[in-house]
PDB file of all heavy atoms in Angstrom:
ATOM      1  N   SER A   1       4.321   3.301   5.140  1.00  0.00           N
ATOM      2  CA  SER A   1       5.510   4.143   4.818  1.00  0.00           C
ATOM      3  C   SER A   1       5.316   5.511   5.143  1.00  0.00           C
ATOM      4  O   SER A   1       4.191   6.010   5.493  1.00  0.00           O
ATOM      5  CB  SER A   1       5.751   4.023   3.281  1.00  0.00           C
ATOM      6  OG  SER A   1       4.721   4.582   2.571  1.00  0.00           O
ATOM      7  N   LYS A   2       6.426   6.276   5.266  1.00  0.00           N
ATOM      8  CA  LYS A   2       6.318   7.670   5.552  1.00  0.00           C
ATOM      9  C   LYS A   2       7.155   8.450   4.462  1.00  0.00           C
ATOM     10  O   LYS A   2       8.225   8.010   4.060  1.00  0.00           O
ATOM     11  CB  LYS A   2       6.947   8.042   6.927  1.00  0.00           C
ATOM     12  CG  LYS A   2       6.084   7.740   8.070  1.00  0.00           C
ATOM     13  CD  LYS A   2       6.528   8.476   9.359  1.00  0.00           C
ATOM     14  CE  LYS A   2       7.957   8.099   9.795  1.00  0.00           C
ATOM     15  NZ  LYS A   2       8.407   8.884  10.953  1.00  0.00           N
ATOM     16  N   ASP A   3       6.621   9.658   4.106  1.00  0.00           N
ATOM     17  CA  ASP A   3       7.290  10.600   3.235  1.00  0.00           C
ATOM     18  C   ASP A   3       7.622  11.777   4.039  1.00  0.00           C
ATOM     19  O   ASP A   3       6.681  12.597   4.332  1.00  0.00           O
ATOM     20  CB  ASP A   3       6.498  10.878   1.985  1.00  0.00           C
ATOM     21  CG  ASP A   3       7.248  11.755   1.026  1.00  0.00           C
ATOM     22  OD1 ASP A   3       8.131  12.553   1.455  1.00  0.00           O
ATOM     23  OD2 ASP A   3       6.994  11.697  -0.160  1.00  0.00           O
ATOM     24  N   ASN A   4       8.829  11.898   4.588  1.00  0.00           N
ATOM     25  CA  ASN A   4       9.138  12.940   5.573  1.00  0.00           C
ATOM     26  C   ASN A   4       9.061  14.253   4.790  1.00  0.00           C
ATOM     27  O   ASN A   4       8.725  15.317   5.460  1.00  0.00           O
ATOM     28  CB  ASN A   4      10.512  12.693   6.192  1.00  0.00           C
ATOM     29  CG  ASN A   4      10.492  11.500   7.082  1.00  0.00           C
ATOM     30  OD1 ASN A   4       9.496  11.216   7.773  1.00  0.00           O
ATOM     31  ND2 ASN A   4      11.592  10.773   7.112  1.00  0.00           N
ATOM     32  N   ALA A   5       9.472  14.336   3.530  1.00  0.00           N
ATOM     33  CA  ALA A   5       9.446  15.617   2.868  1.00  0.00           C
ATOM     34  C   ALA A   5       8.020  16.139   2.743  1.00  0.00           C
ATOM     35  O   ALA A   5       7.769  17.330   2.753  1.00  0.00           O
ATOM     36  CB  ALA A   5      10.048  15.395   1.518  1.00  0.00           C
ATOM     37  N   GLU A   6       7.034  15.234   2.545  1.00  0.00           N
ATOM     38  CA  GLU A   6       5.646  15.572   2.463  1.00  0.00           C
ATOM     39  C   GLU A   6       4.956  15.580   3.780  1.00  0.00           C
ATOM     40  O   GLU A   6       3.737  15.990   3.822  1.00  0.00           O
ATOM     41  CB  GLU A   6       4.875  14.547   1.489  1.00  0.00           C
ATOM     42  CG  GLU A   6       5.390  14.638   0.086  1.00  0.00           C
ATOM     43  CD  GLU A   6       5.128  15.999  -0.648  1.00  0.00           C
ATOM     44  OE1 GLU A   6       4.027  16.529  -0.337  1.00  0.00           O
ATOM     45  OE2 GLU A   6       5.890  16.330  -1.462  1.00  0.00           O
ATOM     46  N   ASN A   7       5.671  15.183   4.822  1.00  0.00           N
ATOM     47  CA  ASN A   7       5.042  15.049   6.161  1.00  0.00           C
ATOM     48  C   ASN A   7       3.757  14.230   6.174  1.00  0.00           C
ATOM     49  O   ASN A   7       2.720  14.563   6.811  1.00  0.00           O
ATOM     50  CB  ASN A   7       4.711  16.501   6.670  1.00  0.00           C
ATOM     51  CG  ASN A   7       5.088  16.648   8.198  1.00  0.00           C
ATOM     52  OD1 ASN A   7       6.095  16.093   8.674  1.00  0.00           O
ATOM     53  ND2 ASN A   7       4.213  17.351   8.950  1.00  0.00           N
ATOM     54  N   THR A   8       3.855  13.128   5.418  1.00  0.00           N
ATOM     55  CA  THR A   8       2.664  12.326   5.247  1.00  0.00           C
ATOM     56  C   THR A   8       3.004  10.823   5.425  1.00  0.00           C
ATOM     57  O   THR A   8       4.088  10.435   4.981  1.00  0.00           O
ATOM     58  CB  THR A   8       2.140  12.538   3.810  1.00  0.00           C
ATOM     59  OG1 THR A   8       1.727  13.889   3.682  1.00  0.00           O
ATOM     60  CG2 THR A   8       0.878  11.675   3.582  1.00  0.00           C
ATOM     61  N   MET A   9       2.117  10.137   5.964  1.00  0.00           N
ATOM     62  CA  MET A   9       2.252   8.656   6.150  1.00  0.00           C
ATOM     63  C   MET A   9       1.313   7.969   5.202  1.00  0.00           C
ATOM     64  O   MET A   9       0.170   8.527   4.887  1.00  0.00           O
ATOM     65  CB  MET A   9       1.948   8.254   7.566  1.00  0.00           C
ATOM     66  CG  MET A   9       1.987   6.780   7.877  1.00  0.00           C
ATOM     67  SD  MET A   9       1.699   6.304   9.575  1.00  0.00           S
ATOM     68  CE  MET A   9       0.001   6.787   9.793  1.00  0.00           C
ATOM     69  N   TYR A  10       1.606   6.773   4.718  1.00  0.00           N
ATOM     70  CA  TYR A  10       0.753   6.098   3.755  1.00  0.00           C
ATOM     71  C   TYR A  10       0.488   4.653   4.251  1.00  0.00           C
ATOM     72  O   TYR A  10       1.294   4.081   4.968  1.00  0.00           O
ATOM     73  CB  TYR A  10       1.464   6.034   2.430  1.00  0.00           C
ATOM     74  CG  TYR A  10       1.674   7.387   1.818  1.00  0.00           C
ATOM     75  CD1 TYR A  10       2.965   7.969   1.859  1.00  0.00           C
ATOM     76  CD2 TYR A  10       0.627   8.094   1.163  1.00  0.00           C
ATOM     77  CE1 TYR A  10       3.078   9.257   1.300  1.00  0.00           C
ATOM     78  CE2 TYR A  10       0.795   9.352   0.585  1.00  0.00           C
ATOM     79  CZ  TYR A  10       2.095   9.946   0.719  1.00  0.00           C
ATOM     80  OH  TYR A  10       2.262  11.122   0.114  1.00  0.00           O
ATOM     81  N   LEU A  11      -0.545   4.083   3.789  1.00  0.00           N
ATOM     82  CA  LEU A  11      -0.840   2.716   3.896  1.00  0.00           C
ATOM     83  C   LEU A  11      -1.295   2.087   2.545  1.00  0.00           C
ATOM     84  O   LEU A  11      -2.433   2.410   2.117  1.00  0.00           O
ATOM     85  CB  LEU A  11      -1.883   2.432   4.974  1.00  0.00           C
ATOM     86  CG  LEU A  11      -2.143   0.909   5.260  1.00  0.00           C
ATOM     87  CD1 LEU A  11      -0.929   0.347   5.986  1.00  0.00           C
ATOM     88  CD2 LEU A  11      -3.378   0.772   6.126  1.00  0.00           C
ATOM     89  N   GLN A  12      -0.380   1.403   1.880  1.00  0.00           N
ATOM     90  CA  GLN A  12      -0.743   0.739   0.632  1.00  0.00           C
ATOM     91  C   GLN A  12      -1.503  -0.613   0.970  1.00  0.00           C
ATOM     92  O   GLN A  12      -0.814  -1.472   1.600  1.00  0.00           O
ATOM     93  CB  GLN A  12       0.478   0.530  -0.173  1.00  0.00           C
ATOM     94  CG  GLN A  12       0.272  -0.243  -1.500  1.00  0.00           C
ATOM     95  CD  GLN A  12      -0.641   0.585  -2.441  1.00  0.00           C
ATOM     96  OE1 GLN A  12      -0.432   1.784  -2.648  1.00  0.00           O
ATOM     97  NE2 GLN A  12      -1.614  -0.082  -3.117  1.00  0.00           N
ATOM     98  N   MET A  13      -2.597  -0.772   0.536  1.00  0.00           N
ATOM     99  CA  MET A  13      -3.329  -1.961   0.818  1.00  0.00           C
ATOM    100  C   MET A  13      -3.629  -2.777  -0.444  1.00  0.00           C
ATOM    101  O   MET A  13      -4.313  -2.230  -1.363  1.00  0.00           O
ATOM    102  CB  MET A  13      -4.701  -1.598   1.556  1.00  0.00           C
ATOM    103  CG  MET A  13      -4.527  -0.748   2.748  1.00  0.00           C
ATOM    104  SD  MET A  13      -6.038  -0.421   3.663  1.00  0.00           S
ATOM    105  CE  MET A  13      -7.000   0.429   2.472  1.00  0.00           C
ATOM    106  N   ASN A  14      -3.131  -3.910  -0.533  1.00  0.00           N
ATOM    107  CA  ASN A  14      -3.336  -4.795  -1.718  1.00  0.00           C
ATOM    108  C   ASN A  14      -4.119  -6.048  -1.358  1.00  0.00           C
ATOM    109  O   ASN A  14      -4.261  -6.394  -0.144  1.00  0.00           O
ATOM    110  CB  ASN A  14      -2.035  -5.167  -2.350  1.00  0.00           C
ATOM    111  CG  ASN A  14      -1.274  -3.927  -2.867  1.00  0.00           C
ATOM    112  OD1 ASN A  14      -1.793  -2.965  -3.252  1.00  0.00           O
ATOM    113  ND2 ASN A  14       0.106  -4.054  -2.750  1.00  0.00           N
ATOM    114  N   SER A  15      -4.600  -6.714  -2.323  1.00  0.00           N
ATOM    115  CA  SER A  15      -5.413  -7.970  -2.113  1.00  0.00           C
ATOM    116  C   SER A  15      -6.388  -7.834  -0.973  1.00  0.00           C
ATOM    117  O   SER A  15      -6.441  -8.674  -0.095  1.00  0.00           O
ATOM    118  CB  SER A  15      -4.345  -9.136  -1.707  1.00  0.00           C
ATOM    119  OG  SER A  15      -3.456  -9.236  -2.757  1.00  0.00           O
ATOM    120  N   LEU A  16      -7.201  -6.817  -1.126  1.00  0.00           N
ATOM    121  CA  LEU A  16      -8.102  -6.518  -0.058  1.00  0.00           C
ATOM    122  C   LEU A  16      -9.219  -7.579   0.024  1.00  0.00           C
ATOM    123  O   LEU A  16      -9.667  -8.143  -1.018  1.00  0.00           O
ATOM    124  CB  LEU A  16      -8.810  -5.108  -0.331  1.00  0.00           C
ATOM    125  CG  LEU A  16      -7.876  -4.015   0.068  1.00  0.00           C
ATOM    126  CD1 LEU A  16      -8.294  -2.679  -0.623  1.00  0.00           C
ATOM    127  CD2 LEU A  16      -7.901  -3.796   1.613  1.00  0.00           C
ATOM    128  N   LYS A  17      -9.639  -7.834   1.207  1.00  0.00           N
ATOM    129  CA  LYS A  17     -10.687  -8.834   1.538  1.00  0.00           C
ATOM    130  C   LYS A  17     -11.876  -8.149   2.165  1.00  0.00           C
ATOM    131  O   LYS A  17     -11.764  -7.133   2.747  1.00  0.00           O
ATOM    132  CB  LYS A  17     -10.156  -9.906   2.532  1.00  0.00           C
ATOM    133  CG  LYS A  17      -8.808 -10.528   2.095  1.00  0.00           C
ATOM    134  CD  LYS A  17      -8.311 -11.438   3.112  1.00  0.00           C
ATOM    135  CE  LYS A  17      -7.047 -12.102   2.681  1.00  0.00           C
ATOM    136  NZ  LYS A  17      -6.477 -13.017   3.823  1.00  0.00           N
ATOM    137  N   PRO A  18     -13.061  -8.765   2.081  1.00  0.00           N
ATOM    138  CA  PRO A  18     -14.206  -8.210   2.737  1.00  0.00           C
ATOM    139  C   PRO A  18     -14.039  -7.935   4.195  1.00  0.00           C
ATOM    140  O   PRO A  18     -14.553  -6.923   4.754  1.00  0.00           O
ATOM    141  CB  PRO A  18     -15.328  -9.219   2.514  1.00  0.00           C
ATOM    142  CG  PRO A  18     -14.948  -9.921   1.176  1.00  0.00           C
ATOM    143  CD  PRO A  18     -13.409  -9.881   1.205  1.00  0.00           C
ATOM    144  N   GLU A  19     -13.271  -8.804   4.864  1.00  0.00           N
ATOM    145  CA  GLU A  19     -13.021  -8.605   6.266  1.00  0.00           C
ATOM    146  C   GLU A  19     -12.169  -7.403   6.597  1.00  0.00           C
ATOM    147  O   GLU A  19     -11.911  -7.073   7.779  1.00  0.00           O
ATOM    148  CB  GLU A  19     -12.503  -9.821   6.976  1.00  0.00           C
ATOM    149  CG  GLU A  19     -11.306 -10.410   6.206  1.00  0.00           C
ATOM    150  CD  GLU A  19     -11.617 -11.576   5.245  1.00  0.00           C
ATOM    151  OE1 GLU A  19     -12.645 -11.408   4.562  1.00  0.00           O
ATOM    152  OE2 GLU A  19     -10.958 -12.609   5.233  1.00  0.00           O
ATOM    153  N   ASP A  20     -11.551  -6.786   5.571  1.00  0.00           N
ATOM    154  CA  ASP A  20     -10.792  -5.578   5.752  1.00  0.00           C
ATOM    155  C   ASP A  20     -11.678  -4.309   5.906  1.00  0.00           C
ATOM    156  O   ASP A  20     -11.168  -3.238   6.142  1.00  0.00           O
ATOM    157  CB  ASP A  20      -9.770  -5.327   4.601  1.00  0.00           C
ATOM    158  CG  ASP A  20      -8.687  -6.389   4.594  1.00  0.00           C
ATOM    159  OD1 ASP A  20      -8.200  -6.755   5.704  1.00  0.00           O
ATOM    160  OD2 ASP A  20      -8.385  -6.916   3.476  1.00  0.00           O
ATOM    161  N   THR A  21     -12.973  -4.526   5.628  1.00  0.00           N
ATOM    162  CA  THR A  21     -13.912  -3.376   5.762  1.00  0.00           C
ATOM    163  C   THR A  21     -13.931  -2.763   7.128  1.00  0.00           C
ATOM    164  O   THR A  21     -14.126  -3.499   8.118  1.00  0.00           O
ATOM    165  CB  THR A  21     -15.324  -3.839   5.376  1.00  0.00           C
ATOM    166  OG1 THR A  21     -15.286  -4.272   3.975  1.00  0.00           O
ATOM    167  CG2 THR A  21     -16.374  -2.711   5.497  1.00  0.00           C
ATOM    168  N   ALA A  22     -13.671  -1.490   7.213  1.00  0.00           N
ATOM    169  CA  ALA A  22     -13.556  -0.809   8.549  1.00  0.00           C
ATOM    170  C   ALA A  22     -13.326   0.629   8.293  1.00  0.00           C
ATOM    171  O   ALA A  22     -13.057   1.081   7.143  1.00  0.00           O
ATOM    172  CB  ALA A  22     -12.432  -1.428   9.337  1.00  0.00           C
ATOM    173  N   VAL A  23     -13.357   1.415   9.376  1.00  0.00           N
ATOM    174  CA  VAL A  23     -12.882   2.818   9.325  1.00  0.00           C
ATOM    175  C   VAL A  23     -11.453   2.822   9.748  1.00  0.00           C
ATOM    176  O   VAL A  23     -11.115   2.149  10.810  1.00  0.00           O
ATOM    177  CB  VAL A  23     -13.672   3.683  10.249  1.00  0.00           C
ATOM    178  CG1 VAL A  23     -13.135   5.146  10.206  1.00  0.00           C
ATOM    179  CG2 VAL A  23     -15.202   3.754   9.840  1.00  0.00           C
ATOM    180  N   TYR A  24     -10.612   3.343   8.907  1.00  0.00           N
ATOM    181  CA  TYR A  24      -9.187   3.321   9.182  1.00  0.00           C
ATOM    182  C   TYR A  24      -8.737   4.706   9.706  1.00  0.00           C
ATOM    183  O   TYR A  24      -9.130   5.729   9.193  1.00  0.00           O
ATOM    184  CB  TYR A  24      -8.357   2.980   7.917  1.00  0.00           C
ATOM    185  CG  TYR A  24      -8.426   1.511   7.520  1.00  0.00           C
ATOM    186  CD1 TYR A  24      -9.634   0.955   7.126  1.00  0.00           C
ATOM    187  CD2 TYR A  24      -7.365   0.642   7.692  1.00  0.00           C
ATOM    188  CE1 TYR A  24      -9.695  -0.380   6.774  1.00  0.00           C
ATOM    189  CE2 TYR A  24      -7.405  -0.622   7.396  1.00  0.00           C
ATOM    190  CZ  TYR A  24      -8.652  -1.184   6.910  1.00  0.00           C
ATOM    191  OH  TYR A  24      -8.731  -2.527   6.656  1.00  0.00           O
ATOM    192  N   TYR A  25      -7.806   4.668  10.799  1.00  0.00           N
ATOM    193  CA  TYR A  25      -7.388   5.829  11.486  1.00  0.00           C
ATOM    194  C   TYR A  25      -5.931   5.884  11.458  1.00  0.00           C
ATOM    195  O   TYR A  25      -5.271   4.885  11.915  1.00  0.00           O
ATOM    196  CB  TYR A  25      -7.942   5.886  12.869  1.00  0.00           C
ATOM    197  CG  TYR A  25      -9.445   5.904  13.082  1.00  0.00           C
ATOM    198  CD1 TYR A  25     -10.120   4.692  13.201  1.00  0.00           C
ATOM    199  CD2 TYR A  25     -10.174   7.058  13.165  1.00  0.00           C
ATOM    200  CE1 TYR A  25     -11.506   4.707  13.330  1.00  0.00           C
ATOM    201  CE2 TYR A  25     -11.559   7.104  13.365  1.00  0.00           C
ATOM    202  CZ  TYR A  25     -12.228   5.875  13.445  1.00  0.00           C
ATOM    203  OH  TYR A  25     -13.576   5.894  13.639  1.00  0.00           O
ATOM    204  N   CYS A  26      -5.335   7.008  11.264  1.00  0.00           N
ATOM    205  CA  CYS A  26      -3.912   7.117  11.535  1.00  0.00           C
ATOM    206  C   CYS A  26      -3.713   7.701  12.900  1.00  0.00           C
ATOM    207  O   CYS A  26      -4.548   8.419  13.518  1.00  0.00           O
ATOM    208  CB  CYS A  26      -3.214   8.046  10.495  1.00  0.00           C
ATOM    209  SG  CYS A  26      -3.799   9.780  10.388  1.00  0.00           S
ATOM    210  N   ASN A  27      -2.495   7.369  13.440  1.00  0.00           N
ATOM    211  CA  ASN A  27      -2.189   7.684  14.917  1.00  0.00           C
ATOM    212  C   ASN A  27      -0.795   8.120  14.981  1.00  0.00           C
ATOM    213  O   ASN A  27       0.121   7.630  14.322  1.00  0.00           O
ATOM    214  CB  ASN A  27      -2.446   6.438  15.787  1.00  0.00           C
ATOM    215  CG  ASN A  27      -1.993   6.697  17.146  1.00  0.00           C
ATOM    216  OD1 ASN A  27      -0.891   6.287  17.543  1.00  0.00           O
ATOM    217  ND2 ASN A  27      -2.776   7.326  17.934  1.00  0.00           N
ATOM    218  N   LEU A  28      -0.647   9.138  15.900  1.00  0.00           N
ATOM    219  CA  LEU A  28       0.733   9.597  16.179  1.00  0.00           C
ATOM    220  C   LEU A  28       0.753   9.816  17.684  1.00  0.00           C
ATOM    221  O   LEU A  28      -0.138  10.414  18.237  1.00  0.00           O
ATOM    222  CB  LEU A  28       0.958  10.919  15.455  1.00  0.00           C
ATOM    223  CG  LEU A  28       2.256  11.678  15.588  1.00  0.00           C
ATOM    224  CD1 LEU A  28       2.488  12.503  14.345  1.00  0.00           C
ATOM    225  CD2 LEU A  28       2.343  12.507  16.871  1.00  0.00           C
ATOM    226  N   ALA A  29       1.798   9.228  18.405  1.00  0.00           N
ATOM    227  CA  ALA A  29       1.915   9.341  19.741  1.00  0.00           C
ATOM    228  C   ALA A  29       3.230  10.017  20.102  1.00  0.00           C
ATOM    229  O   ALA A  29       4.263   9.486  19.918  1.00  0.00           O
ATOM    230  CB  ALA A  29       1.828   8.031  20.449  1.00  0.00           C
ATOM    231  N   PHE A  30       3.181  11.361  20.451  1.00  0.00           N
ATOM    232  CA  PHE A  30       4.366  12.134  20.798  1.00  0.00           C
ATOM    233  C   PHE A  30       3.842  13.236  21.637  1.00  0.00           C
ATOM    234  O   PHE A  30       3.230  14.167  21.119  1.00  0.00           O
ATOM    235  CB  PHE A  30       5.041  12.576  19.498  1.00  0.00           C
ATOM    236  CG  PHE A  30       6.298  13.395  19.788  1.00  0.00           C
ATOM    237  CD1 PHE A  30       7.414  12.717  20.138  1.00  0.00           C
ATOM    238  CD2 PHE A  30       6.294  14.738  19.673  1.00  0.00           C
ATOM    239  CE1 PHE A  30       8.614  13.490  20.418  1.00  0.00           C
ATOM    240  CE2 PHE A  30       7.434  15.430  19.952  1.00  0.00           C
ATOM    241  CZ  PHE A  30       8.636  14.850  20.288  1.00  0.00           C
ATOM    242  N   ARG A  31       4.263  13.231  22.942  1.00  0.00           N
ATOM    243  CA  ARG A  31       3.739  14.208  23.805  1.00  0.00           C
ATOM    244  C   ARG A  31       2.260  14.362  23.755  1.00  0.00           C
ATOM    245  O   ARG A  31       1.699  15.447  23.783  1.00  0.00           O
ATOM    246  CB  ARG A  31       4.446  15.497  23.579  1.00  0.00           C
ATOM    247  CG  ARG A  31       5.880  15.505  23.848  1.00  0.00           C
ATOM    248  CD  ARG A  31       6.606  16.773  23.515  1.00  0.00           C
ATOM    249  NE  ARG A  31       8.087  16.676  23.709  1.00  0.00           N
ATOM    250  CZ  ARG A  31       8.916  17.609  23.443  1.00  0.00           C
ATOM    251  NH1 ARG A  31       8.540  18.758  22.956  1.00  0.00           N
ATOM    252  NH2 ARG A  31      10.214  17.468  23.673  1.00  0.00           N
ATOM    253  N   GLY A  32       1.542  13.289  23.512  1.00  0.00           N
ATOM    254  CA  GLY A  32       0.128  13.255  23.405  1.00  0.00           C
ATOM    255  C   GLY A  32      -0.261  12.127  22.452  1.00  0.00           C
ATOM    256  O   GLY A  32       0.652  11.486  21.828  1.00  0.00           O
ATOM    257  N   ASN A  33      -1.448  11.869  22.305  1.00  0.00           N
ATOM    258  CA  ASN A  33      -1.952  10.738  21.403  1.00  0.00           C
ATOM    259  C   ASN A  33      -2.943  11.496  20.411  1.00  0.00           C
ATOM    260  O   ASN A  33      -3.992  11.993  20.805  1.00  0.00           O
ATOM    261  CB  ASN A  33      -2.609   9.658  22.270  1.00  0.00           C
ATOM    262  CG  ASN A  33      -2.783   8.418  21.464  1.00  0.00           C
ATOM    263  OD1 ASN A  33      -2.053   8.102  20.546  1.00  0.00           O
ATOM    264  ND2 ASN A  33      -3.788   7.632  21.788  1.00  0.00           N
ATOM    265  N   TYR A  34      -2.556  11.420  19.186  1.00  0.00           N
ATOM    266  CA  TYR A  34      -3.332  12.079  18.166  1.00  0.00           C
ATOM    267  C   TYR A  34      -3.943  11.148  17.128  1.00  0.00           C
ATOM    268  O   TYR A  34      -3.245  10.113  16.765  1.00  0.00           O
ATOM    269  CB  TYR A  34      -2.487  13.120  17.483  1.00  0.00           C
ATOM    270  CG  TYR A  34      -1.835  14.160  18.381  1.00  0.00           C
ATOM    271  CD1 TYR A  34      -0.581  13.949  18.952  1.00  0.00           C
ATOM    272  CD2 TYR A  34      -2.578  15.262  18.847  1.00  0.00           C
ATOM    273  CE1 TYR A  34      -0.034  14.863  19.821  1.00  0.00           C
ATOM    274  CE2 TYR A  34      -2.062  16.176  19.737  1.00  0.00           C
ATOM    275  CZ  TYR A  34      -0.783  15.951  20.203  1.00  0.00           C
ATOM    276  OH  TYR A  34      -0.194  16.805  21.124  1.00  0.00           O
TER     277      TYR A  34
END
């Protein structure tokens, strides 16, 4: 989800599994890749 007022994106993760273990990165692609 995104909260445009807060200029923030979220990822709600439920029912997590051991295979979800990782480093998580957010990404934005607009006139560049960030």
